[in-house]
Amino acid sequence: MKLKYFAWIAEIIDKREEILEIPPQIKTIGQLIDFLSTIDPVYADAFKRRKSIKFAINQVLVDEDELISRNDEIAFFPPMTGG
């Protein structure tokens, strides 16, 4: 699964994107965040402000309970403002 990180999330994790093998029991964005938070404290730190993070699957905004598949591109980013 391709994971992309933006803004302060990328800064905390210290990468903009990565490819990870995700266990088959991980079915939603929320479960993915929980899983990532257990594999390395840096992810736990990045996702501790979970309520302020937006999610996209294949460039479409979704909620935390949206189903994911192994071939998806998942993006995590803070809300954006205009200007």
PDB file of N, CA and C in Angstrom:
ATOM      1  N   MET A   1       0.852  -1.164   0.000  1.00  0.00           N
ATOM      2  CA  MET A   1       0.000   0.000   0.000  1.00  0.00           C
ATOM      3  C   MET A   1       0.902   1.233   0.000  1.00  0.00           C
ATOM      4  N   LYS A   2       0.545   2.209  -0.838  1.00  0.00           N
ATOM      5  CA  LYS A   2       1.324   3.441  -0.893  1.00  0.00           C
ATOM      6  C   LYS A   2       0.709   4.445   0.075  1.00  0.00           C
ATOM      7  N   LEU A   3       1.543   4.973   0.962  1.00  0.00           N
ATOM      8  CA  LEU A   3       1.122   5.968   1.944  1.00  0.00           C
ATOM      9  C   LEU A   3       1.842   7.269   1.651  1.00  0.00           C
ATOM     10  N   LYS A   4       1.086   8.367   1.665  1.00  0.00           N
ATOM     11  CA  LYS A   4       1.662   9.693   1.420  1.00  0.00           C
ATOM     12  C   LYS A   4       1.345  10.586   2.607  1.00  0.00           C
ATOM     13  N   TYR A   5       2.334  11.390   3.000  1.00  0.00           N
ATOM     14  CA  TYR A   5       2.205  12.276   4.160  1.00  0.00           C
ATOM     15  C   TYR A   5       2.513  13.708   3.724  1.00  0.00           C
ATOM     16  N   PHE A   6       1.753  14.648   4.271  1.00  0.00           N
ATOM     17  CA  PHE A   6       1.919  16.045   3.893  1.00  0.00           C
ATOM     18  C   PHE A   6       2.084  16.936   5.120  1.00  0.00           C
ATOM     19  N   ALA A   7       2.700  18.101   4.899  1.00  0.00           N
ATOM     20  CA  ALA A   7       2.856  19.168   5.900  1.00  0.00           C
ATOM     21  C   ALA A   7       3.506  18.633   7.176  1.00  0.00           C
ATOM     22  N   TRP A   8       2.962  19.009   8.352  1.00  0.00           N
ATOM     23  CA  TRP A   8       3.600  18.632   9.611  1.00  0.00           C
ATOM     24  C   TRP A   8       3.589  17.129   9.850  1.00  0.00           C
ATOM     25  N   ILE A   9       2.689  16.397   9.223  1.00  0.00           N
ATOM     26  CA  ILE A   9       2.692  14.934   9.368  1.00  0.00           C
ATOM     27  C   ILE A   9       3.971  14.370   8.732  1.00  0.00           C
ATOM     28  N   ALA A  10       4.291  14.833   7.534  1.00  0.00           N
ATOM     29  CA  ALA A  10       5.517  14.391   6.858  1.00  0.00           C
ATOM     30  C   ALA A  10       6.761  14.803   7.648  1.00  0.00           C
ATOM     31  N   GLU A  11       6.726  15.975   8.236  1.00  0.00           N
ATOM     32  CA  GLU A  11       7.876  16.434   9.025  1.00  0.00           C
ATOM     33  C   GLU A  11       8.108  15.554  10.238  1.00  0.00           C
ATOM     34  N   ILE A  12       7.040  15.172  10.917  1.00  0.00           N
ATOM     35  CA  ILE A  12       7.187  14.324  12.107  1.00  0.00           C
ATOM     36  C   ILE A  12       7.670  12.930  11.717  1.00  0.00           C
ATOM     37  N   ILE A  13       7.059  12.351  10.679  1.00  0.00           N
ATOM     38  CA  ILE A  13       7.435  10.999  10.252  1.00  0.00           C
ATOM     39  C   ILE A  13       8.779  10.999   9.526  1.00  0.00           C
ATOM     40  N   ASP A  14       9.159  12.151   9.004  1.00  0.00           N
ATOM     41  CA  ASP A  14      10.418  12.343   8.279  1.00  0.00           C
ATOM     42  C   ASP A  14      10.452  11.597   6.948  1.00  0.00           C
ATOM     43  N   LYS A  15       9.282  11.560   6.302  1.00  0.00           N
ATOM     44  CA  LYS A  15       9.194  11.042   4.946  1.00  0.00           C
ATOM     45  C   LYS A  15       7.906  11.529   4.317  1.00  0.00           C
ATOM     46  N   ARG A  16       7.926  11.657   3.025  1.00  0.00           N
ATOM     47  CA  ARG A  16       6.751  12.128   2.276  1.00  0.00           C
ATOM     48  C   ARG A  16       5.877  10.981   1.803  1.00  0.00           C
ATOM     49  N   GLU A  17       6.492   9.843   1.551  1.00  0.00           N
ATOM     50  CA  GLU A  17       5.716   8.678   1.131  1.00  0.00           C
ATOM     51  C   GLU A  17       6.500   7.411   1.388  1.00  0.00           C
ATOM     52  N   GLU A  18       5.760   6.300   1.374  1.00  0.00           N
ATOM     53  CA  GLU A  18       6.378   4.997   1.551  1.00  0.00           C
ATOM     54  C   GLU A  18       5.414   3.921   1.063  1.00  0.00           C
ATOM     55  N   ILE A  19       5.954   2.763   0.815  1.00  0.00           N
ATOM     56  CA  ILE A  19       5.165   1.592   0.462  1.00  0.00           C
ATOM     57  C   ILE A  19       5.296   0.619   1.631  1.00  0.00           C
ATOM     58  N   LEU A  20       4.147   0.188   2.174  1.00  0.00           N
ATOM     59  CA  LEU A  20       4.160  -0.743   3.302  1.00  0.00           C
ATOM     60  C   LEU A  20       3.236  -1.922   3.017  1.00  0.00           C
ATOM     61  N   GLU A  21       3.640  -3.077   3.506  1.00  0.00           N
ATOM     62  CA  GLU A  21       2.759  -4.239   3.509  1.00  0.00           C
ATOM     63  C   GLU A  21       1.905  -4.135   4.764  1.00  0.00           C
ATOM     64  N   ILE A  22       0.617  -4.102   4.572  1.00  0.00           N
ATOM     65  CA  ILE A  22      -0.322  -3.941   5.681  1.00  0.00           C
ATOM     66  C   ILE A  22      -0.983  -5.291   5.946  1.00  0.00           C
ATOM     67  N   PRO A  23      -1.113  -5.702   7.211  1.00  0.00           N
ATOM     68  CA  PRO A  23      -1.766  -6.972   7.524  1.00  0.00           C
ATOM     69  C   PRO A  23      -3.198  -7.012   6.964  1.00  0.00           C
ATOM     70  N   PRO A  24      -3.656  -8.169   6.536  1.00  0.00           N
ATOM     71  CA  PRO A  24      -4.976  -8.273   5.905  1.00  0.00           C
ATOM     72  C   PRO A  24      -6.147  -7.888   6.816  1.00  0.00           C
ATOM     73  N   GLN A  25      -5.957  -7.934   8.113  1.00  0.00           N
ATOM     74  CA  GLN A  25      -7.047  -7.577   9.026  1.00  0.00           C
ATOM     75  C   GLN A  25      -7.286  -6.065   9.101  1.00  0.00           C
ATOM     76  N   ILE A  26      -6.389  -5.280   8.543  1.00  0.00           N
ATOM     77  CA  ILE A  26      -6.547  -3.820   8.516  1.00  0.00           C
ATOM     78  C   ILE A  26      -7.493  -3.479   7.370  1.00  0.00           C
ATOM     79  N   LYS A  27      -8.689  -2.988   7.703  1.00  0.00           N
ATOM     80  CA  LYS A  27      -9.733  -2.786   6.700  1.00  0.00           C
ATOM     81  C   LYS A  27     -10.151  -1.331   6.506  1.00  0.00           C
ATOM     82  N   THR A  28      -9.822  -0.450   7.454  1.00  0.00           N
ATOM     83  CA  THR A  28     -10.265   0.950   7.375  1.00  0.00           C
ATOM     84  C   THR A  28      -9.092   1.900   7.616  1.00  0.00           C
ATOM     85  N   ILE A  29      -9.314   3.160   7.294  1.00  0.00           N
ATOM     86  CA  ILE A  29      -8.309   4.194   7.578  1.00  0.00           C
ATOM     87  C   ILE A  29      -8.002   4.218   9.080  1.00  0.00           C
ATOM     88  N   GLY A  30      -9.026   4.174   9.907  1.00  0.00           N
ATOM     89  CA  GLY A  30      -8.832   4.203  11.360  1.00  0.00           C
ATOM     90  C   GLY A  30      -7.974   3.044  11.843  1.00  0.00           C
ATOM     91  N   GLN A  31      -8.233   1.849  11.324  1.00  0.00           N
ATOM     92  CA  GLN A  31      -7.429   0.687  11.702  1.00  0.00           C
ATOM     93  C   GLN A  31      -5.993   0.845  11.198  1.00  0.00           C
ATOM     94  N   LEU A  32      -5.840   1.449  10.031  1.00  0.00           N
ATOM     95  CA  LEU A  32      -4.500   1.698   9.497  1.00  0.00           C
ATOM     96  C   LEU A  32      -3.720   2.640  10.412  1.00  0.00           C
ATOM     97  N   ILE A  33      -4.359   3.707  10.860  1.00  0.00           N
ATOM     98  CA  ILE A  33      -3.703   4.641  11.782  1.00  0.00           C
ATOM     99  C   ILE A  33      -3.325   3.936  13.075  1.00  0.00           C
ATOM    100  N   ASP A  34      -4.238   3.123  13.610  1.00  0.00           N
ATOM    101  CA  ASP A  34      -3.938   2.367  14.835  1.00  0.00           C
ATOM    102  C   ASP A  34      -2.728   1.460  14.617  1.00  0.00           C
ATOM    103  N   PHE A  35      -2.699   0.762  13.489  1.00  0.00           N
ATOM    104  CA  PHE A  35      -1.590  -0.135  13.170  1.00  0.00           C
ATOM    105  C   PHE A  35      -0.274   0.627  13.061  1.00  0.00           C
ATOM    106  N   LEU A  36      -0.273   1.703  12.287  1.00  0.00           N
ATOM    107  CA  LEU A  36       0.947   2.493  12.119  1.00  0.00           C
ATOM    108  C   LEU A  36       1.456   3.006  13.464  1.00  0.00           C
ATOM    109  N   SER A  37       0.529   3.408  14.318  1.00  0.00           N
ATOM    110  CA  SER A  37       0.905   3.955  15.630  1.00  0.00           C
ATOM    111  C   SER A  37       1.560   2.919  16.527  1.00  0.00           C
ATOM    112  N   THR A  38       1.354   1.631  16.236  1.00  0.00           N
ATOM    113  CA  THR A  38       1.974   0.577  17.051  1.00  0.00           C
ATOM    114  C   THR A  38       3.334   0.143  16.525  1.00  0.00           C
ATOM    115  N   ILE A  39       3.638   0.427  15.247  1.00  0.00           N
ATOM    116  CA  ILE A  39       4.899  -0.098  14.703  1.00  0.00           C
ATOM    117  C   ILE A  39       6.095   0.817  14.956  1.00  0.00           C
ATOM    118  N   ASP A  40       5.817   2.093  15.287  1.00  0.00           N
ATOM    119  CA  ASP A  40       6.922   3.014  15.541  1.00  0.00           C
ATOM    120  C   ASP A  40       6.372   4.226  16.301  1.00  0.00           C
ATOM    121  N   PRO A  41       7.044   4.650  17.360  1.00  0.00           N
ATOM    122  CA  PRO A  41       6.564   5.802  18.133  1.00  0.00           C
ATOM    123  C   PRO A  41       6.439   7.082  17.306  1.00  0.00           C
ATOM    124  N   VAL A  42       7.200   7.201  16.223  1.00  0.00           N
ATOM    125  CA  VAL A  42       7.125   8.404  15.407  1.00  0.00           C
ATOM    126  C   VAL A  42       5.739   8.516  14.749  1.00  0.00           C
ATOM    127  N   TYR A  43       5.156   7.384  14.347  1.00  0.00           N
ATOM    128  CA  TYR A  43       3.803   7.403  13.796  1.00  0.00           C
ATOM    129  C   TYR A  43       2.799   7.779  14.876  1.00  0.00           C
ATOM    130  N   ALA A  44       2.968   7.219  16.052  1.00  0.00           N
ATOM    131  CA  ALA A  44       2.071   7.550  17.167  1.00  0.00           C
ATOM    132  C   ALA A  44       2.104   9.048  17.436  1.00  0.00           C
ATOM    133  N   ASP A  45       3.279   9.633  17.369  1.00  0.00           N
ATOM    134  CA  ASP A  45       3.418  11.077  17.569  1.00  0.00           C
ATOM    135  C   ASP A  45       2.712  11.851  16.447  1.00  0.00           C
ATOM    136  N   ALA A  46       2.908  11.418  15.219  1.00  0.00           N
ATOM    137  CA  ALA A  46       2.296  12.108  14.073  1.00  0.00           C
ATOM    138  C   ALA A  46       0.778  12.037  14.116  1.00  0.00           C
ATOM    139  N   PHE A  47       0.234  10.924  14.586  1.00  0.00           N
ATOM    140  CA  PHE A  47      -1.215  10.733  14.575  1.00  0.00           C
ATOM    141  C   PHE A  47      -1.891  11.061  15.901  1.00  0.00           C
ATOM    142  N   LYS A  48      -1.158  11.626  16.849  1.00  0.00           N
ATOM    143  CA  LYS A  48      -1.785  11.945  18.136  1.00  0.00           C
ATOM    144  C   LYS A  48      -2.827  13.058  18.000  1.00  0.00           C
ATOM    145  N   ARG A  49      -2.713  13.877  16.953  1.00  0.00           N
ATOM    146  CA  ARG A  49      -3.733  14.899  16.673  1.00  0.00           C
ATOM    147  C   ARG A  49      -4.670  14.392  15.569  1.00  0.00           C
ATOM    148  N   ARG A  50      -5.061  13.166  15.700  1.00  0.00           N
ATOM    149  CA  ARG A  50      -5.853  12.435  14.711  1.00  0.00           C
ATOM    150  C   ARG A  50      -7.105  13.191  14.258  1.00  0.00           C
ATOM    151  N   LYS A  51      -7.760  13.858  15.164  1.00  0.00           N
ATOM    152  CA  LYS A  51      -9.003  14.582  14.835  1.00  0.00           C
ATOM    153  C   LYS A  51      -8.758  15.737  13.870  1.00  0.00           C
ATOM    154  N   SER A  52      -7.521  16.211  13.781  1.00  0.00           N
ATOM    155  CA  SER A  52      -7.237  17.331  12.886  1.00  0.00           C
ATOM    156  C   SER A  52      -6.611  16.880  11.560  1.00  0.00           C
ATOM    157  N   ILE A  53      -6.595  15.568  11.313  1.00  0.00           N
ATOM    158  CA  ILE A  53      -6.006  15.037  10.084  1.00  0.00           C
ATOM    159  C   ILE A  53      -7.112  14.670   9.103  1.00  0.00           C
ATOM    160  N   LYS A  54      -6.882  14.993   7.840  1.00  0.00           N
ATOM    161  CA  LYS A  54      -7.777  14.592   6.760  1.00  0.00           C
ATOM    162  C   LYS A  54      -7.168  13.385   6.066  1.00  0.00           C
ATOM    163  N   PHE A  55      -8.024  12.598   5.399  1.00  0.00           N
ATOM    164  CA  PHE A  55      -7.584  11.364   4.746  1.00  0.00           C
ATOM    165  C   PHE A  55      -8.115  11.335   3.320  1.00  0.00           C
ATOM    166  N   ALA A  56      -7.336  10.747   2.437  1.00  0.00           N
ATOM    167  CA  ALA A  56      -7.792  10.542   1.058  1.00  0.00           C
ATOM    168  C   ALA A  56      -7.383   9.143   0.616  1.00  0.00           C
ATOM    169  N   ILE A  57      -8.287   8.512  -0.106  1.00  0.00           N
ATOM    170  CA  ILE A  57      -7.997   7.239  -0.758  1.00  0.00           C
ATOM    171  C   ILE A  57      -8.033   7.504  -2.255  1.00  0.00           C
ATOM    172  N   ASN A  58      -6.923   7.248  -2.911  1.00  0.00           N
ATOM    173  CA  ASN A  58      -6.830   7.481  -4.354  1.00  0.00           C
ATOM    174  C   ASN A  58      -7.318   8.878  -4.730  1.00  0.00           C
ATOM    175  N   GLN A  59      -6.880   9.863  -3.946  1.00  0.00           N
ATOM    176  CA  GLN A  59      -7.121  11.288  -4.160  1.00  0.00           C
ATOM    177  C   GLN A  59      -8.574  11.712  -3.958  1.00  0.00           C
ATOM    178  N   VAL A  60      -9.338  10.926  -3.198  1.00  0.00           N
ATOM    179  CA  VAL A  60     -10.717  11.277  -2.860  1.00  0.00           C
ATOM    180  C   VAL A  60     -10.814  11.367  -1.335  1.00  0.00           C
ATOM    181  N   LEU A  61     -11.285  12.512  -0.827  1.00  0.00           N
ATOM    182  CA  LEU A  61     -11.435  12.673   0.621  1.00  0.00           C
ATOM    183  C   LEU A  61     -12.424  11.657   1.179  1.00  0.00           C
ATOM    184  N   VAL A  62     -12.058  11.061   2.311  1.00  0.00           N
ATOM    185  CA  VAL A  62     -12.887  10.037   2.949  1.00  0.00           C
ATOM    186  C   VAL A  62     -12.863  10.229   4.461  1.00  0.00           C
ATOM    187  N   ASP A  63     -13.744   9.493   5.136  1.00  0.00           N
ATOM    188  CA  ASP A  63     -13.772   9.469   6.597  1.00  0.00           C
ATOM    189  C   ASP A  63     -12.884   8.343   7.114  1.00  0.00           C
ATOM    190  N   GLU A  64     -12.644   8.379   8.402  1.00  0.00           N
ATOM    191  CA  GLU A  64     -11.770   7.407   9.054  1.00  0.00           C
ATOM    192  C   GLU A  64     -12.299   5.972   8.958  1.00  0.00           C
ATOM    193  N   ASP A  65     -13.601   5.802   8.797  1.00  0.00           N
ATOM    194  CA  ASP A  65     -14.176   4.453   8.736  1.00  0.00           C
ATOM    195  C   ASP A  65     -14.289   3.911   7.306  1.00  0.00           C
ATOM    196  N   GLU A  66     -13.705   4.627   6.345  1.00  0.00           N
ATOM    197  CA  GLU A  66     -13.748   4.186   4.945  1.00  0.00           C
ATOM    198  C   GLU A  66     -12.891   2.934   4.751  1.00  0.00           C
ATOM    199  N   LEU A  67     -13.401   1.989   3.970  1.00  0.00           N
ATOM    200  CA  LEU A  67     -12.679   0.755   3.685  1.00  0.00           C
ATOM    201  C   LEU A  67     -11.498   1.025   2.748  1.00  0.00           C
ATOM    202  N   ILE A  68     -10.411   0.313   2.985  1.00  0.00           N
ATOM    203  CA  ILE A  68      -9.210   0.433   2.156  1.00  0.00           C
ATOM    204  C   ILE A  68      -8.879  -0.921   1.545  1.00  0.00           C
ATOM    205  N   SER A  69      -8.097  -0.895   0.457  1.00  0.00           N
ATOM    206  CA  SER A  69      -7.602  -2.144  -0.130  1.00  0.00           C
ATOM    207  C   SER A  69      -6.097  -2.027  -0.343  1.00  0.00           C
ATOM    208  N   ARG A  70      -5.459  -3.126  -0.569  1.00  0.00           N
ATOM    209  CA  ARG A  70      -4.003  -3.201  -0.656  1.00  0.00           C
ATOM    210  C   ARG A  70      -3.424  -2.358  -1.791  1.00  0.00           C
ATOM    211  N   ASN A  71      -4.202  -2.101  -2.831  1.00  0.00           N
ATOM    212  CA  ASN A  71      -3.691  -1.347  -3.983  1.00  0.00           C
ATOM    213  C   ASN A  71      -3.975   0.146  -3.904  1.00  0.00           C
ATOM    214  N   ASP A  72      -4.547   0.597  -2.810  1.00  0.00           N
ATOM    215  CA  ASP A  72      -4.890   2.012  -2.662  1.00  0.00           C
ATOM    216  C   ASP A  72      -3.673   2.875  -2.364  1.00  0.00           C
ATOM    217  N   GLU A  73      -3.812   4.148  -2.716  1.00  0.00           N
ATOM    218  CA  GLU A  73      -2.880   5.178  -2.274  1.00  0.00           C
ATOM    219  C   GLU A  73      -3.616   5.951  -1.184  1.00  0.00           C
ATOM    220  N   ILE A  74      -3.046   5.968   0.011  1.00  0.00           N
ATOM    221  CA  ILE A  74      -3.663   6.629   1.153  1.00  0.00           C
ATOM    222  C   ILE A  74      -2.838   7.867   1.475  1.00  0.00           C
ATOM    223  N   ALA A  75      -3.517   9.005   1.592  1.00  0.00           N
ATOM    224  CA  ALA A  75      -2.832  10.264   1.921  1.00  0.00           C
ATOM    225  C   ALA A  75      -3.346  10.794   3.243  1.00  0.00           C
ATOM    226  N   PHE A  76      -2.437  11.349   4.013  1.00  0.00           N
ATOM    227  CA  PHE A  76      -2.740  11.955   5.320  1.00  0.00           C
ATOM    228  C   PHE A  76      -2.259  13.403   5.278  1.00  0.00           C
ATOM    229  N   PHE A  77      -3.147  14.331   5.625  1.00  0.00           N
ATOM    230  CA  PHE A  77      -2.769  15.740   5.582  1.00  0.00           C
ATOM    231  C   PHE A  77      -3.625  16.557   6.519  1.00  0.00           C
ATOM    232  N   PRO A  78      -3.078  17.671   7.005  1.00  0.00           N
ATOM    233  CA  PRO A  78      -3.877  18.572   7.852  1.00  0.00           C
ATOM    234  C   PRO A  78      -4.854  19.355   6.981  1.00  0.00           C
ATOM    235  N   PRO A  79      -5.897  19.894   7.600  1.00  0.00           N
ATOM    236  CA  PRO A  79      -6.833  20.725   6.814  1.00  0.00           C
ATOM    237  C   PRO A  79      -6.086  21.892   6.163  1.00  0.00           C
ATOM    238  N   MET A  80      -6.532  22.270   4.990  1.00  0.00           N
ATOM    239  CA  MET A  80      -5.895  23.358   4.266  1.00  0.00           C
ATOM    240  C   MET A  80      -6.796  24.583   4.304  1.00  0.00           C
ATOM    241  N   THR A  81      -6.173  25.728   4.229  1.00  0.00           N
ATOM    242  CA  THR A  81      -6.934  26.975   4.190  1.00  0.00           C
ATOM    243  C   THR A  81      -6.633  27.690   2.888  1.00  0.00           C
ATOM    244  N   GLY A  82      -7.550  28.504   2.476  1.00  0.00           N
ATOM    245  CA  GLY A  82      -7.344  29.274   1.256  1.00  0.00           C
ATOM    246  C   GLY A  82      -6.503  30.503   1.526  1.00  0.00           C
ATOM    247  N   GLY A  83      -6.140  31.175   0.478  1.00  0.00           N
ATOM    248  CA  GLY A  83      -5.354  32.377   0.706  1.00  0.00           C
ATOM    249  C   GLY A  83      -4.875  33.019  -0.548  1.00  0.00           C
TER     250      GLY A  83
END
